[in-house]
Amino acid sequence: MSIQKEYLKKKGRCKVTFHIPPERVDGAVSVHVVGEFNGWDEEATPMSRGKDGGFSATVQLEPGGEYQFRYLVDGCVWENDWEADRYVPTPFGNSENCVVVV
């Protein structure tokens, strides 16, 4: 998995691309990136399947912030990005949210 950040000076935003490799989503039909930046809406940010079988999506975020997120695979399996900037506990059981800092 990887997170790429590109700061857009003219727009005052940061373009963040989330990528989850095929081995983490073996046989998945759909993957969404779900987080604070989209109101935790499970359908708001679908990821596109790449030629390698992995999935990616790009969002624009306001710099100077931290945003929690996770990946939702096939609408039922939550995955973390092990290359996130940090992790925080969730209020939902024994799990953590990923954090991207921009």
C-alpha atoms as a PDB file:
ATOM      1  CA  MET A   1       0.000   0.000   0.000  1.00  0.00           C
ATOM      2  CA  SER A   2       1.084   3.520  -0.457  1.00  0.00           C
ATOM      3  CA  ILE A   3       0.002   7.082  -0.056  1.00  0.00           C
ATOM      4  CA  GLN A   4       1.346   9.736  -2.398  1.00  0.00           C
ATOM      5  CA  LYS A   5       1.022  13.450  -1.647  1.00  0.00           C
ATOM      6  CA  GLU A   6       1.308  16.285  -4.150  1.00  0.00           C
ATOM      7  CA  TYR A   7       0.933  19.828  -2.827  1.00  0.00           C
ATOM      8  CA  LEU A   8      -0.852  22.150  -5.257  1.00  0.00           C
ATOM      9  CA  LYS A   9       0.403  25.667  -4.502  1.00  0.00           C
ATOM     10  CA  LYS A  10      -2.060  27.463  -6.748  1.00  0.00           C
ATOM     11  CA  LYS A  11      -5.095  25.744  -5.247  1.00  0.00           C
ATOM     12  CA  GLY A  12      -3.878  25.584  -1.646  1.00  0.00           C
ATOM     13  CA  ARG A  13      -4.700  21.884  -1.560  1.00  0.00           C
ATOM     14  CA  CYS A  14      -2.878  18.588  -1.353  1.00  0.00           C
ATOM     15  CA  LYS A  15      -3.687  15.879  -3.869  1.00  0.00           C
ATOM     16  CA  VAL A  16      -3.502  12.558  -1.990  1.00  0.00           C
ATOM     17  CA  THR A  17      -3.509   9.260  -3.878  1.00  0.00           C
ATOM     18  CA  PHE A  18      -4.338   6.122  -1.931  1.00  0.00           C
ATOM     19  CA  HIS A  19      -3.252   2.750  -3.358  1.00  0.00           C
ATOM     20  CA  ILE A  20      -3.933  -0.746  -2.092  1.00  0.00           C
ATOM     21  CA  PRO A  21      -2.019  -3.548  -3.866  1.00  0.00           C
ATOM     22  CA  PRO A  22      -3.660  -6.637  -5.351  1.00  0.00           C
ATOM     23  CA  GLU A  23      -2.296  -9.015  -2.717  1.00  0.00           C
ATOM     24  CA  ARG A  24      -4.218  -7.127  -0.005  1.00  0.00           C
ATOM     25  CA  VAL A  25      -7.519  -7.308  -1.902  1.00  0.00           C
ATOM     26  CA  ASP A  26      -7.246 -10.705  -3.574  1.00  0.00           C
ATOM     27  CA  GLY A  27     -10.321 -11.204  -5.730  1.00  0.00           C
ATOM     28  CA  ALA A  28     -12.082  -8.034  -4.552  1.00  0.00           C
ATOM     29  CA  VAL A  29     -14.834  -6.601  -6.715  1.00  0.00           C
ATOM     30  CA  SER A  30     -14.823  -3.134  -5.131  1.00  0.00           C
ATOM     31  CA  VAL A  31     -12.733  -1.063  -2.727  1.00  0.00           C
ATOM     32  CA  HIS A  32     -13.595   2.342  -1.254  1.00  0.00           C
ATOM     33  CA  VAL A  33     -11.439   4.715   0.759  1.00  0.00           C
ATOM     34  CA  VAL A  34     -13.586   5.886   3.659  1.00  0.00           C
ATOM     35  CA  GLY A  35     -12.637   8.597   6.117  1.00  0.00           C
ATOM     36  CA  GLU A  36     -13.134  11.950   7.729  1.00  0.00           C
ATOM     37  CA  PHE A  37     -12.614  13.726   4.398  1.00  0.00           C
ATOM     38  CA  ASN A  38     -15.793  12.150   2.985  1.00  0.00           C
ATOM     39  CA  GLY A  39     -17.903  12.013   6.148  1.00  0.00           C
ATOM     40  CA  TRP A  40     -17.190   8.277   6.569  1.00  0.00           C
ATOM     41  CA  ASP A  41     -19.525   7.685   3.628  1.00  0.00           C
ATOM     42  CA  GLU A  42     -18.858   4.108   2.511  1.00  0.00           C
ATOM     43  CA  GLU A  43     -19.865   4.858  -1.100  1.00  0.00           C
ATOM     44  CA  ALA A  44     -18.433   8.373  -1.580  1.00  0.00           C
ATOM     45  CA  THR A  45     -14.918   7.520  -2.775  1.00  0.00           C
ATOM     46  CA  PRO A  46     -14.705   4.368  -4.888  1.00  0.00           C
ATOM     47  CA  MET A  47     -11.249   3.238  -5.882  1.00  0.00           C
ATOM     48  CA  SER A  48     -10.405   2.301  -9.473  1.00  0.00           C
ATOM     49  CA  ARG A  49      -8.868  -1.061 -10.310  1.00  0.00           C
ATOM     50  CA  GLY A  50      -5.454  -0.733 -11.928  1.00  0.00           C
ATOM     51  CA  LYS A  51      -3.826  -2.999 -14.495  1.00  0.00           C
ATOM     52  CA  ASP A  52      -1.920  -4.719 -11.670  1.00  0.00           C
ATOM     53  CA  GLY A  53      -5.194  -5.655  -9.922  1.00  0.00           C
ATOM     54  CA  GLY A  54      -4.692  -3.126  -7.133  1.00  0.00           C
ATOM     55  CA  PHE A  55      -7.009  -0.208  -6.451  1.00  0.00           C
ATOM     56  CA  SER A  56      -6.374   3.543  -6.194  1.00  0.00           C
ATOM     57  CA  ALA A  57      -8.232   6.795  -5.615  1.00  0.00           C
ATOM     58  CA  THR A  58      -7.195  10.433  -5.395  1.00  0.00           C
ATOM     59  CA  VAL A  59      -8.732  13.111  -3.195  1.00  0.00           C
ATOM     60  CA  GLN A  60      -7.818  16.745  -2.574  1.00  0.00           C
ATOM     61  CA  LEU A  61      -7.344  17.698   1.066  1.00  0.00           C
ATOM     62  CA  GLU A  62      -6.664  20.939   2.872  1.00  0.00           C
ATOM     63  CA  PRO A  63      -3.030  21.139   4.042  1.00  0.00           C
ATOM     64  CA  GLY A  64      -2.309  21.496   7.737  1.00  0.00           C
ATOM     65  CA  GLY A  65      -4.697  18.751   8.759  1.00  0.00           C
ATOM     66  CA  GLU A  66      -4.810  15.118   9.792  1.00  0.00           C
ATOM     67  CA  TYR A  67      -7.456  12.828   8.331  1.00  0.00           C
ATOM     68  CA  GLN A  68      -8.469   9.394   9.611  1.00  0.00           C
ATOM     69  CA  PHE A  69      -9.390   6.741   7.044  1.00  0.00           C
ATOM     70  CA  ARG A  70      -9.640   3.034   6.241  1.00  0.00           C
ATOM     71  CA  TYR A  71     -10.280   0.913   3.154  1.00  0.00           C
ATOM     72  CA  LEU A  72     -13.578  -0.943   2.755  1.00  0.00           C
ATOM     73  CA  VAL A  73     -13.266  -4.054   0.582  1.00  0.00           C
ATOM     74  CA  ASP A  74     -16.416  -5.456  -1.051  1.00  0.00           C
ATOM     75  CA  GLY A  75     -18.559  -3.514   1.404  1.00  0.00           C
ATOM     76  CA  CYS A  76     -17.728  -5.725   4.368  1.00  0.00           C
ATOM     77  CA  VAL A  77     -13.990  -6.054   5.129  1.00  0.00           C
ATOM     78  CA  TRP A  78     -12.053  -3.141   6.632  1.00  0.00           C
ATOM     79  CA  GLU A  79      -8.329  -2.877   5.811  1.00  0.00           C
ATOM     80  CA  ASN A  80      -5.668  -0.496   7.081  1.00  0.00           C
ATOM     81  CA  ASP A  81      -2.868   1.101   5.097  1.00  0.00           C
ATOM     82  CA  TRP A  82       0.351  -0.034   6.749  1.00  0.00           C
ATOM     83  CA  GLU A  83       2.198   2.939   5.258  1.00  0.00           C
ATOM     84  CA  ALA A  84      -0.080   5.538   6.876  1.00  0.00           C
ATOM     85  CA  ASP A  85       1.514   8.426   8.747  1.00  0.00           C
ATOM     86  CA  ARG A  86       0.153   7.134  12.045  1.00  0.00           C
ATOM     87  CA  TYR A  87      -2.732   5.210  13.634  1.00  0.00           C
ATOM     88  CA  VAL A  88      -5.350   5.995  16.264  1.00  0.00           C
ATOM     89  CA  PRO A  89      -7.698   3.677  18.172  1.00  0.00           C
ATOM     90  CA  THR A  90     -11.313   3.584  17.028  1.00  0.00           C
ATOM     91  CA  PRO A  91     -14.297   3.577  19.372  1.00  0.00           C
ATOM     92  CA  PHE A  92     -15.490   0.405  17.595  1.00  0.00           C
ATOM     93  CA  GLY A  93     -13.779  -2.551  19.240  1.00  0.00           C
ATOM     94  CA  ASN A  94     -10.186  -3.603  18.936  1.00  0.00           C
ATOM     95  CA  SER A  95      -9.139  -1.732  15.793  1.00  0.00           C
ATOM     96  CA  GLU A  96      -7.282   1.350  14.608  1.00  0.00           C
ATOM     97  CA  ASN A  97      -7.885   4.000  11.985  1.00  0.00           C
ATOM     98  CA  CYS A  98      -5.112   5.114   9.662  1.00  0.00           C
ATOM     99  CA  VAL A  99      -4.127   8.783   9.624  1.00  0.00           C
ATOM    100  CA  VAL A 100      -2.771  10.775   6.693  1.00  0.00           C
ATOM    101  CA  VAL A 101      -1.100  14.075   7.605  1.00  0.00           C
ATOM    102  CA  VAL A 102      -1.035  16.793   4.940  1.00  0.00           C
END
